[in-house]
Protein backbone atom coordinates (compact mmCIF):
# COMPACT_ATOMS: atom_id res chain seq x y z
CA UNK A 1 0.00 0.00 0.00
CA UNK A 2 1.12 3.51 -0.77
CA UNK A 3 1.86 5.70 2.27
CA UNK A 4 0.77 9.34 2.16
CA UNK A 5 0.38 12.19 4.63
CA UNK A 6 -3.16 13.00 5.70
CA UNK A 7 -4.29 15.52 8.32
CA UNK A 8 -6.39 14.53 11.34
CA UNK A 9 -8.35 17.13 13.32
CA UNK A 10 -7.18 17.75 16.88
CA UNK A 11 -10.08 18.02 19.29
CA UNK A 12 -10.29 20.30 22.33
CA UNK A 13 -7.76 22.77 20.91
CA UNK A 14 -9.96 25.87 20.87
CA UNK A 15 -8.82 26.64 17.31
CA UNK A 16 -8.84 24.67 14.05
CA UNK A 17 -5.77 22.39 14.39
CA UNK A 18 -4.67 19.44 12.27
CA UNK A 19 -1.94 16.82 12.85
CA UNK A 20 -0.04 15.40 9.84
CA UNK A 21 -0.26 11.60 9.99
CA UNK A 22 1.23 8.88 7.77
CA UNK A 23 -1.57 6.72 6.36
CA UNK A 24 -1.92 3.95 3.80
CA UNK A 25 -4.10 4.56 0.75
CA UNK A 26 -6.91 1.99 0.55
CA UNK A 27 -8.76 3.39 -2.47
CA UNK A 28 -9.79 6.70 -4.06
CA UNK A 29 -10.80 8.58 -0.87
CA UNK A 30 -10.08 6.02 1.86
CA UNK A 31 -6.93 5.85 3.99
CA UNK A 32 -5.88 3.56 6.84
CA UNK A 33 -4.19 5.03 9.92
CA UNK A 34 -1.83 2.22 11.03
CA UNK A 35 -2.42 0.63 14.44
CA UNK A 36 1.13 1.44 15.55
CA UNK A 37 0.73 5.21 15.01
CA UNK A 38 1.58 7.03 18.23
CA UNK A 39 -0.63 9.92 19.36
CA UNK A 40 1.53 12.57 21.08
CA UNK A 41 0.83 13.03 24.78
CA UNK A 42 -1.88 15.61 25.43
CA UNK A 43 -3.47 15.38 21.97
CA UNK A 44 -6.96 14.07 21.26
CA UNK A 45 -7.43 13.00 17.64
CA UNK A 46 -10.81 12.92 15.93
CA UNK A 47 -9.85 9.55 14.37
CA UNK A 48 -7.80 6.91 16.17
CA UNK A 49 -5.03 4.64 14.85
CA UNK A 50 -6.44 1.46 13.33
CA UNK A 51 -9.27 3.31 11.58
CA UNK A 52 -10.04 3.78 7.89
CA UNK A 53 -11.02 7.37 7.15
CA UNK A 54 -12.39 9.21 4.15
CA UNK A 55 -10.27 12.18 3.15
CA UNK A 56 -11.07 15.21 1.02
CA UNK A 57 -8.57 17.50 -0.69
CA UNK A 58 -8.06 21.02 0.65
CA UNK A 59 -5.83 23.82 -0.56
CA UNK A 60 -2.90 24.50 1.75
CA UNK A 61 -2.26 27.91 3.31
CA UNK A 62 -0.86 30.69 1.11
CA UNK A 63 -0.97 28.58 -2.05
CA UNK A 64 0.88 25.60 -0.58
CA UNK A 65 0.20 22.26 -2.23
CA UNK A 66 -3.10 20.49 -1.71
CA UNK A 67 -3.52 18.47 1.50
CA UNK A 68 -5.83 15.59 2.46
CA UNK A 69 -8.12 16.19 5.42
CA UNK A 70 -9.69 13.24 7.26
CA UNK A 71 -13.43 13.98 7.50
CA UNK A 72 -15.16 10.75 8.51
CA UNK A 73 -14.57 7.19 9.66
CA UNK A 74 -15.63 4.51 7.18
PDB file of N, CA and C in Angstrom:
ATOM      1  N   UNK A   1       0.831  -1.190   0.000  1.00  0.00           N
ATOM      2  CA  UNK A   1       0.000   0.000   0.000  1.00  0.00           C
ATOM      3  C   UNK A   1       0.870   1.247   0.000  1.00  0.00           C
ATOM      4  N   UNK A   2       0.401   2.244  -0.710  1.00  0.00           N
ATOM      5  CA  UNK A   2       1.122   3.505  -0.774  1.00  0.00           C
ATOM      6  C   UNK A   2       0.887   4.315   0.505  1.00  0.00           C
ATOM      7  N   UNK A   3       1.964   4.865   1.082  1.00  0.00           N
ATOM      8  CA  UNK A   3       1.856   5.702   2.274  1.00  0.00           C
ATOM      9  C   UNK A   3       1.847   7.170   1.863  1.00  0.00           C
ATOM     10  N   UNK A   4       0.892   7.914   2.425  1.00  0.00           N
ATOM     11  CA  UNK A   4       0.773   9.343   2.156  1.00  0.00           C
ATOM     12  C   UNK A   4       0.537  10.071   3.481  1.00  0.00           C
ATOM     13  N   UNK A   5       0.679  11.385   3.446  1.00  0.00           N
ATOM     14  CA  UNK A   5       0.379  12.188   4.633  1.00  0.00           C
ATOM     15  C   UNK A   5      -1.042  12.708   4.535  1.00  0.00           C
ATOM     16  N   UNK A   6      -1.827  12.431   5.587  1.00  0.00           N
ATOM     17  CA  UNK A   6      -3.160  13.003   5.703  1.00  0.00           C
ATOM     18  C   UNK A   6      -3.159  13.875   6.955  1.00  0.00           C
ATOM     19  N   UNK A   7      -4.207  14.648   7.148  1.00  0.00           N
ATOM     20  CA  UNK A   7      -4.294  15.517   8.316  1.00  0.00           C
ATOM     21  C   UNK A   7      -5.535  15.158   9.126  1.00  0.00           C
ATOM     22  N   UNK A   8      -5.324  14.904  10.423  1.00  0.00           N
ATOM     23  CA  UNK A   8      -6.395  14.530  11.342  1.00  0.00           C
ATOM     24  C   UNK A   8      -6.660  15.702  12.280  1.00  0.00           C
ATOM     25  N   UNK A   9      -7.942  16.021  12.456  1.00  0.00           N
ATOM     26  CA  UNK A   9      -8.347  17.126  13.319  1.00  0.00           C
ATOM     27  C   UNK A   9      -7.998  16.838  14.773  1.00  0.00           C
ATOM     28  N   UNK A  10      -7.455  17.846  15.449  1.00  0.00           N
ATOM     29  CA  UNK A  10      -7.177  17.752  16.877  1.00  0.00           C
ATOM     30  C   UNK A  10      -8.357  18.342  17.627  1.00  0.00           C
ATOM     31  N   UNK A  11      -8.931  17.560  18.525  1.00  0.00           N
ATOM     32  CA  UNK A  11     -10.085  18.019  19.286  1.00  0.00           C
ATOM     33  C   UNK A  11      -9.639  18.756  20.541  1.00  0.00           C
ATOM     34  N   UNK A  12     -10.517  19.567  21.074  1.00  0.00           N
ATOM     35  CA  UNK A  12     -10.295  20.303  22.326  1.00  0.00           C
ATOM     36  C   UNK A  12      -9.140  21.293  22.247  1.00  0.00           C
ATOM     37  N   UNK A  13      -8.865  21.831  21.066  1.00  0.00           N
ATOM     38  CA  UNK A  13      -7.755  22.770  20.910  1.00  0.00           C
ATOM     39  C   UNK A  13      -8.201  24.224  21.007  1.00  0.00           C
ATOM     40  N   UNK A  14      -9.485  24.496  20.827  1.00  0.00           N
ATOM     41  CA  UNK A  14      -9.962  25.865  20.871  1.00  0.00           C
ATOM     42  C   UNK A  14      -9.845  26.597  19.542  1.00  0.00           C
ATOM     43  N   UNK A  15      -8.971  26.097  18.661  1.00  0.00           N
ATOM     44  CA  UNK A  15      -8.824  26.638  17.306  1.00  0.00           C
ATOM     45  C   UNK A  15      -8.739  25.446  16.352  1.00  0.00           C
ATOM     46  N   UNK A  16      -8.909  25.719  15.069  1.00  0.00           N
ATOM     47  CA  UNK A  16      -8.844  24.673  14.048  1.00  0.00           C
ATOM     48  C   UNK A  16      -7.397  24.180  13.940  1.00  0.00           C
ATOM     49  N   UNK A  17      -7.133  22.947  14.394  1.00  0.00           N
ATOM     50  CA  UNK A  17      -5.773  22.392  14.393  1.00  0.00           C
ATOM     51  C   UNK A  17      -5.785  20.998  13.774  1.00  0.00           C
ATOM     52  N   UNK A  18      -4.762  20.727  12.970  1.00  0.00           N
ATOM     53  CA  UNK A  18      -4.667  19.445  12.269  1.00  0.00           C
ATOM     54  C   UNK A  18      -3.278  18.851  12.458  1.00  0.00           C
ATOM     55  N   UNK A  19      -3.200  17.539  12.671  1.00  0.00           N
ATOM     56  CA  UNK A  19      -1.939  16.823  12.853  1.00  0.00           C
ATOM     57  C   UNK A  19      -1.622  16.054  11.569  1.00  0.00           C
ATOM     58  N   UNK A  20      -0.424  16.237  10.980  1.00  0.00           N
ATOM     59  CA  UNK A  20      -0.040  15.401   9.841  1.00  0.00           C
ATOM     60  C   UNK A  20       0.209  13.968  10.328  1.00  0.00           C
ATOM     61  N   UNK A  21      -0.334  13.002   9.600  1.00  0.00           N
ATOM     62  CA  UNK A  21      -0.256  11.598   9.987  1.00  0.00           C
ATOM     63  C   UNK A  21       0.054  10.768   8.746  1.00  0.00           C
ATOM     64  N   UNK A  22       0.980   9.817   8.857  1.00  0.00           N
ATOM     65  CA  UNK A  22       1.226   8.880   7.765  1.00  0.00           C
ATOM     66  C   UNK A  22       0.086   7.873   7.722  1.00  0.00           C
ATOM     67  N   UNK A  23      -0.463   7.655   6.529  1.00  0.00           N
ATOM     68  CA  UNK A  23      -1.568   6.718   6.362  1.00  0.00           C
ATOM     69  C   UNK A  23      -1.354   5.935   5.071  1.00  0.00           C
ATOM     70  N   UNK A  24      -2.030   4.807   4.973  1.00  0.00           N
ATOM     71  CA  UNK A  24      -1.918   3.951   3.796  1.00  0.00           C
ATOM     72  C   UNK A  24      -3.169   4.103   2.946  1.00  0.00           C
ATOM     73  N   UNK A  25      -2.974   4.378   1.665  1.00  0.00           N
ATOM     74  CA  UNK A  25      -4.101   4.556   0.754  1.00  0.00           C
ATOM     75  C   UNK A  25      -4.793   3.219   0.532  1.00  0.00           C
ATOM     76  N   UNK A  26      -6.110   3.195   0.749  1.00  0.00           N
ATOM     77  CA  UNK A  26      -6.913   1.987   0.551  1.00  0.00           C
ATOM     78  C   UNK A  26      -7.555   2.034  -0.827  1.00  0.00           C
ATOM     79  N   UNK A  27      -8.207   3.150  -1.145  1.00  0.00           N
ATOM     80  CA  UNK A  27      -8.756   3.391  -2.475  1.00  0.00           C
ATOM     81  C   UNK A  27      -8.886   4.894  -2.684  1.00  0.00           C
ATOM     82  N   UNK A  28      -9.703   5.302  -3.625  1.00  0.00           N
ATOM     83  CA  UNK A  28      -9.786   6.703  -4.059  1.00  0.00           C
ATOM     84  C   UNK A  28      -9.804   7.722  -2.923  1.00  0.00           C
ATOM     85  N   UNK A  29     -10.698   7.602  -1.959  1.00  0.00           N
ATOM     86  CA  UNK A  29     -10.803   8.577  -0.874  1.00  0.00           C
ATOM     87  C   UNK A  29     -10.540   7.975   0.499  1.00  0.00           C
ATOM     88  N   UNK A  30     -10.208   6.705   0.572  1.00  0.00           N
ATOM     89  CA  UNK A  30     -10.077   6.023   1.862  1.00  0.00           C
ATOM     90  C   UNK A  30      -8.616   5.756   2.207  1.00  0.00           C
ATOM     91  N   UNK A  31      -8.296   6.018   3.500  1.00  0.00           N
ATOM     92  CA  UNK A  31      -6.927   5.854   3.987  1.00  0.00           C
ATOM     93  C   UNK A  31      -6.959   5.172   5.351  1.00  0.00           C
ATOM     94  N   UNK A  32      -5.983   4.302   5.580  1.00  0.00           N
ATOM     95  CA  UNK A  32      -5.884   3.558   6.837  1.00  0.00           C
ATOM     96  C   UNK A  32      -4.802   4.182   7.701  1.00  0.00           C
ATOM     97  N   UNK A  33      -5.166   4.532   8.941  1.00  0.00           N
ATOM     98  CA  UNK A  33      -4.187   5.032   9.918  1.00  0.00           C
ATOM     99  C   UNK A  33      -3.646   3.803  10.646  1.00  0.00           C
ATOM    100  N   UNK A  34      -2.372   3.454  10.451  1.00  0.00           N
ATOM    101  CA  UNK A  34      -1.830   2.224  11.034  1.00  0.00           C
ATOM    102  C   UNK A  34      -2.011   2.140  12.552  1.00  0.00           C
ATOM    103  N   UNK A  35      -2.220   0.907  13.017  1.00  0.00           N
ATOM    104  CA  UNK A  35      -2.421   0.629  14.443  1.00  0.00           C
ATOM    105  C   UNK A  35      -1.259   1.118  15.299  1.00  0.00           C
ATOM    106  N   UNK A  36      -0.048   1.094  14.759  1.00  0.00           N
ATOM    107  CA  UNK A  36       1.129   1.443  15.552  1.00  0.00           C
ATOM    108  C   UNK A  36       1.452   2.950  15.546  1.00  0.00           C
ATOM    109  N   UNK A  37       0.548   3.756  14.988  1.00  0.00           N
ATOM    110  CA  UNK A  37       0.732   5.210  15.008  1.00  0.00           C
ATOM    111  C   UNK A  37       0.618   5.701  16.447  1.00  0.00           C
ATOM    112  N   UNK A  38       1.560   6.522  16.850  1.00  0.00           N
ATOM    113  CA  UNK A  38       1.579   7.034  18.229  1.00  0.00           C
ATOM    114  C   UNK A  38       0.968   8.432  18.270  1.00  0.00           C
ATOM    115  N   UNK A  39      -0.017   8.603  19.142  1.00  0.00           N
ATOM    116  CA  UNK A  39      -0.628   9.917  19.357  1.00  0.00           C
ATOM    117  C   UNK A  39       0.208  10.640  20.417  1.00  0.00           C
ATOM    118  N   UNK A  40       0.732  11.834  20.092  1.00  0.00           N
ATOM    119  CA  UNK A  40       1.532  12.569  21.077  1.00  0.00           C
ATOM    120  C   UNK A  40       0.742  12.835  22.365  1.00  0.00           C
ATOM    121  N   UNK A  41       1.449  12.797  23.475  1.00  0.00           N
ATOM    122  CA  UNK A  41       0.830  13.033  24.779  1.00  0.00           C
ATOM    123  C   UNK A  41       0.111  14.380  24.791  1.00  0.00           C
ATOM    124  N   UNK A  42      -1.098  14.388  25.316  1.00  0.00           N
ATOM    125  CA  UNK A  42      -1.880  15.608  25.433  1.00  0.00           C
ATOM    126  C   UNK A  42      -2.762  15.909  24.235  1.00  0.00           C
ATOM    127  N   UNK A  43      -2.621  15.149  23.139  1.00  0.00           N
ATOM    128  CA  UNK A  43      -3.465  15.375  21.969  1.00  0.00           C
ATOM    129  C   UNK A  43      -4.654  14.418  21.963  1.00  0.00           C
ATOM    130  N   UNK A  44      -5.769  14.906  21.447  1.00  0.00           N
ATOM    131  CA  UNK A  44      -6.961  14.070  21.256  1.00  0.00           C
ATOM    132  C   UNK A  44      -7.302  14.156  19.773  1.00  0.00           C
ATOM    133  N   UNK A  45      -7.173  13.025  19.074  1.00  0.00           N
ATOM    134  CA  UNK A  45      -7.432  12.995  17.643  1.00  0.00           C
ATOM    135  C   UNK A  45      -8.887  12.649  17.378  1.00  0.00           C
ATOM    136  N   UNK A  46      -9.449  13.236  16.329  1.00  0.00           N
ATOM    137  CA  UNK A  46     -10.813  12.921  15.925  1.00  0.00           C
ATOM    138  C   UNK A  46     -10.911  11.458  15.479  1.00  0.00           C
ATOM    139  N   UNK A  47      -9.864  10.931  14.839  1.00  0.00           N
ATOM    140  CA  UNK A  47      -9.849   9.547  14.366  1.00  0.00           C
ATOM    141  C   UNK A  47      -8.632   8.834  14.935  1.00  0.00           C
ATOM    142  N   UNK A  48      -8.830   7.659  15.477  1.00  0.00           N
ATOM    143  CA  UNK A  48      -7.797   6.908  16.174  1.00  0.00           C
ATOM    144  C   UNK A  48      -7.009   6.001  15.226  1.00  0.00           C
ATOM    145  N   UNK A  49      -5.771   5.644  15.608  1.00  0.00           N
ATOM    146  CA  UNK A  49      -5.031   4.644  14.849  1.00  0.00           C
ATOM    147  C   UNK A  49      -5.860   3.356  14.729  1.00  0.00           C
ATOM    148  N   UNK A  50      -5.700   2.681  13.589  1.00  0.00           N
ATOM    149  CA  UNK A  50      -6.444   1.463  13.328  1.00  0.00           C
ATOM    150  C   UNK A  50      -7.732   1.705  12.560  1.00  0.00           C
ATOM    151  N   UNK A  51      -8.045   2.960  12.282  1.00  0.00           N
ATOM    152  CA  UNK A  51      -9.273   3.314  11.582  1.00  0.00           C
ATOM    153  C   UNK A  51      -9.020   3.613  10.106  1.00  0.00           C
ATOM    154  N   UNK A  52     -10.038   3.346   9.286  1.00  0.00           N
ATOM    155  CA  UNK A  52     -10.045   3.781   7.893  1.00  0.00           C
ATOM    156  C   UNK A  52     -10.879   5.047   7.854  1.00  0.00           C
ATOM    157  N   UNK A  53     -10.338   6.081   7.222  1.00  0.00           N
ATOM    158  CA  UNK A  53     -11.020   7.366   7.152  1.00  0.00           C
ATOM    159  C   UNK A  53     -11.179   7.798   5.702  1.00  0.00           C
ATOM    160  N   UNK A  54     -12.221   8.591   5.470  1.00  0.00           N
ATOM    161  CA  UNK A  54     -12.393   9.215   4.153  1.00  0.00           C
ATOM    162  C   UNK A  54     -11.737  10.579   4.220  1.00  0.00           C
ATOM    163  N   UNK A  55     -10.969  10.901   3.193  1.00  0.00           N
ATOM    164  CA  UNK A  55     -10.274  12.183   3.146  1.00  0.00           C
ATOM    165  C   UNK A  55     -10.743  12.993   1.946  1.00  0.00           C
ATOM    166  N   UNK A  56     -10.745  14.301   2.114  1.00  0.00           N
ATOM    167  CA  UNK A  56     -11.075  15.213   1.024  1.00  0.00           C
ATOM    168  C   UNK A  56      -9.902  16.157   0.820  1.00  0.00           C
ATOM    169  N   UNK A  57      -9.672  16.570  -0.426  1.00  0.00           N
ATOM    170  CA  UNK A  57      -8.574  17.498  -0.689  1.00  0.00           C
ATOM    171  C   UNK A  57      -8.914  18.909  -0.218  1.00  0.00           C
ATOM    172  N   UNK A  58      -7.910  19.621   0.238  1.00  0.00           N
ATOM    173  CA  UNK A  58      -8.057  21.017   0.653  1.00  0.00           C
ATOM    174  C   UNK A  58      -6.795  21.764   0.240  1.00  0.00           C
ATOM    175  N   UNK A  59      -6.973  22.996  -0.169  1.00  0.00           N
ATOM    176  CA  UNK A  59      -5.828  23.819  -0.559  1.00  0.00           C
ATOM    177  C   UNK A  59      -5.054  24.227   0.677  1.00  0.00           C
ATOM    178  N   UNK A  60      -3.743  24.086   0.638  1.00  0.00           N
ATOM    179  CA  UNK A  60      -2.901  24.497   1.753  1.00  0.00           C
ATOM    180  C   UNK A  60      -2.890  26.006   1.907  1.00  0.00           C
ATOM    181  N   UNK A  61      -2.354  26.468   3.035  1.00  0.00           N
ATOM    182  CA  UNK A  61      -2.255  27.912   3.308  1.00  0.00           C
ATOM    183  C   UNK A  61      -1.352  28.597   2.302  1.00  0.00           C
ATOM    184  N   UNK A  62      -1.691  29.825   1.971  1.00  0.00           N
ATOM    185  CA  UNK A  62      -0.858  30.685   1.114  1.00  0.00           C
ATOM    186  C   UNK A  62      -0.392  29.990  -0.149  1.00  0.00           C
ATOM    187  N   UNK A  63      -1.289  29.215  -0.779  1.00  0.00           N
ATOM    188  CA  UNK A  63      -0.972  28.580  -2.047  1.00  0.00           C
ATOM    189  C   UNK A  63      -0.107  27.337  -1.945  1.00  0.00           C
ATOM    190  N   UNK A  64       0.110  26.836  -0.719  1.00  0.00           N
ATOM    191  CA  UNK A  64       0.876  25.600  -0.580  1.00  0.00           C
ATOM    192  C   UNK A  64       0.146  24.479  -1.294  1.00  0.00           C
ATOM    193  N   UNK A  65       0.819  23.366  -1.511  1.00  0.00           N
ATOM    194  CA  UNK A  65       0.199  22.256  -2.226  1.00  0.00           C
ATOM    195  C   UNK A  65      -1.021  21.726  -1.490  1.00  0.00           C
ATOM    196  N   UNK A  66      -1.863  21.036  -2.244  1.00  0.00           N
ATOM    197  CA  UNK A  66      -3.101  20.488  -1.709  1.00  0.00           C
ATOM    198  C   UNK A  66      -2.808  19.454  -0.620  1.00  0.00           C
ATOM    199  N   UNK A  67      -3.660  19.445   0.412  1.00  0.00           N
ATOM    200  CA  UNK A  67      -3.523  18.471   1.498  1.00  0.00           C
ATOM    201  C   UNK A  67      -4.782  17.608   1.550  1.00  0.00           C
ATOM    202  N   UNK A  68      -4.695  16.499   2.278  1.00  0.00           N
ATOM    203  CA  UNK A  68      -5.831  15.594   2.456  1.00  0.00           C
ATOM    204  C   UNK A  68      -6.297  15.667   3.897  1.00  0.00           C
ATOM    205  N   UNK A  69      -7.546  16.070   4.088  1.00  0.00           N
ATOM    206  CA  UNK A  69      -8.123  16.195   5.421  1.00  0.00           C
ATOM    207  C   UNK A  69      -9.029  14.999   5.709  1.00  0.00           C
ATOM    208  N   UNK A  70      -8.831  14.338   6.845  1.00  0.00           N
ATOM    209  CA  UNK A  70      -9.693  13.235   7.258  1.00  0.00           C
ATOM    210  C   UNK A  70     -11.006  13.830   7.744  1.00  0.00           C
ATOM    211  N   UNK A  71     -12.131  13.381   7.152  1.00  0.00           N
ATOM    212  CA  UNK A  71     -13.426  13.982   7.496  1.00  0.00           C
ATOM    213  C   UNK A  71     -14.430  13.010   8.102  1.00  0.00           C
ATOM    214  N   UNK A  72     -14.244  11.703   7.902  1.00  0.00           N
ATOM    215  CA  UNK A  72     -15.156  10.753   8.514  1.00  0.00           C
ATOM    216  C   UNK A  72     -14.542   9.361   8.551  1.00  0.00           C
ATOM    217  N   UNK A  73     -14.985   8.590   9.528  1.00  0.00           N
ATOM    218  CA  UNK A  73     -14.566   7.192   9.662  1.00  0.00           C
ATOM    219  C   UNK A  73     -15.447   6.360   8.749  1.00  0.00           C
ATOM    220  N   UNK A  74     -14.846   5.388   8.072  1.00  0.00           N
ATOM    221  CA  UNK A  74     -15.626   4.507   7.182  1.00  0.00           C
ATOM    222  C   UNK A  74     -15.453   3.060   7.548  1.00  0.00           C
TER     223      UNK A  74
END
